[in-house]
Amino acid sequence: MTVLDQKLLDILVCPEDRGPLLVVGDEFLYNPRLRRAYRIEDGVPVLLIDEAVTITDDAEHQRMLDRASGRTG
């Protein structure tokens, strides 16, 4: 598991709305406001709007939030 450096996480924002992102495991940075997931590839966030995945399913959105907060469900 590749962990992103906390200093990097502190300055990363969503490229679309410039708001904070949640870390979902070592797989995604997630913007719950827009429901957009940005993948983390080999420890490097891919913050390209065109490559983000939009989460439309409410259950998947909740799973992302739960994983970001350390809960499992």
Protein backbone atom coordinates (compact mmCIF):
# COMPACT_ATOMS: atom_id res chain seq x y z
CA MET A 1 0.00 0.00 0.00
CA THR A 2 1.37 3.37 -1.00
CA VAL A 3 0.54 6.13 1.44
CA LEU A 4 0.45 9.68 0.17
CA ASP A 5 2.55 12.15 2.09
CA GLN A 6 0.47 14.23 4.52
CA LYS A 7 2.05 17.48 3.27
CA LEU A 8 0.91 16.63 -0.24
CA LEU A 9 -2.59 15.75 0.96
CA ASP A 10 -2.82 19.07 2.81
CA ILE A 11 -2.38 21.05 -0.42
CA LEU A 12 -4.27 18.87 -2.92
CA VAL A 13 -7.70 20.12 -3.95
CA CYS A 14 -10.25 19.07 -6.52
CA PRO A 15 -9.33 20.62 -9.88
CA GLU A 16 -13.01 21.26 -10.59
CA ASP A 17 -14.33 23.03 -7.48
CA ARG A 18 -11.03 23.66 -5.65
CA GLY A 19 -12.41 22.03 -2.49
CA PRO A 20 -10.78 19.44 -0.24
CA LEU A 21 -10.57 15.77 -1.17
CA LEU A 22 -11.02 12.64 0.94
CA VAL A 23 -8.47 9.83 0.77
CA VAL A 24 -10.11 6.48 -0.01
CA GLY A 25 -7.54 3.81 0.78
CA ASP A 26 -4.63 3.96 -1.61
CA GLU A 27 -6.96 3.95 -4.61
CA PHE A 28 -8.79 7.28 -4.84
CA LEU A 29 -9.06 10.89 -3.82
CA TYR A 30 -12.78 11.60 -3.55
CA ASN A 31 -14.77 14.80 -3.83
CA PRO A 32 -18.08 14.05 -2.08
CA ARG A 33 -19.61 17.38 -3.12
CA LEU A 34 -19.36 16.55 -6.84
CA ARG A 35 -19.21 12.76 -6.30
CA ARG A 36 -16.03 12.53 -8.34
CA ALA A 37 -13.25 10.02 -7.69
CA TYR A 38 -9.70 10.67 -8.87
CA ARG A 39 -7.53 7.56 -9.03
CA ILE A 40 -4.16 7.23 -7.36
CA GLU A 41 -1.73 5.44 -9.65
CA ASP A 42 1.53 4.14 -8.18
CA GLY A 43 1.21 6.64 -5.34
CA VAL A 44 0.58 9.58 -7.67
CA PRO A 45 -2.86 11.27 -7.73
CA VAL A 46 -4.27 11.67 -11.24
CA LEU A 47 -6.19 14.92 -10.84
CA LEU A 48 -7.49 15.23 -14.38
CA ILE A 49 -11.18 16.14 -14.65
CA ASP A 50 -11.55 14.13 -17.86
CA GLU A 51 -10.26 10.99 -16.12
CA ALA A 52 -12.28 11.30 -12.91
CA VAL A 53 -15.06 8.81 -12.26
CA THR A 54 -18.46 10.22 -11.35
CA ILE A 55 -20.20 8.22 -8.63
CA THR A 56 -23.93 8.24 -9.40
CA ASP A 57 -25.02 5.36 -7.18
CA ASP A 58 -25.98 6.45 -3.64
CA ALA A 59 -24.73 3.18 -2.11
CA GLU A 60 -21.34 3.53 -3.82
CA HIS A 61 -21.13 7.16 -2.65
CA GLN A 62 -21.75 6.00 0.92
CA ARG A 63 -19.13 3.25 0.58
CA MET A 64 -16.59 5.85 -0.54
CA LEU A 65 -17.43 8.04 2.47
CA ASP A 66 -17.23 5.06 4.83
CA ARG A 67 -13.87 3.96 3.46
CA ALA A 68 -12.54 7.50 3.66
CA SER A 69 -13.48 7.76 7.32
CA GLY A 70 -12.04 4.35 8.12
CA ARG A 71 -15.39 2.64 8.60
CA THR A 72 -16.30 -0.57 6.80
CA GLY A 73 -19.73 -1.49 5.65
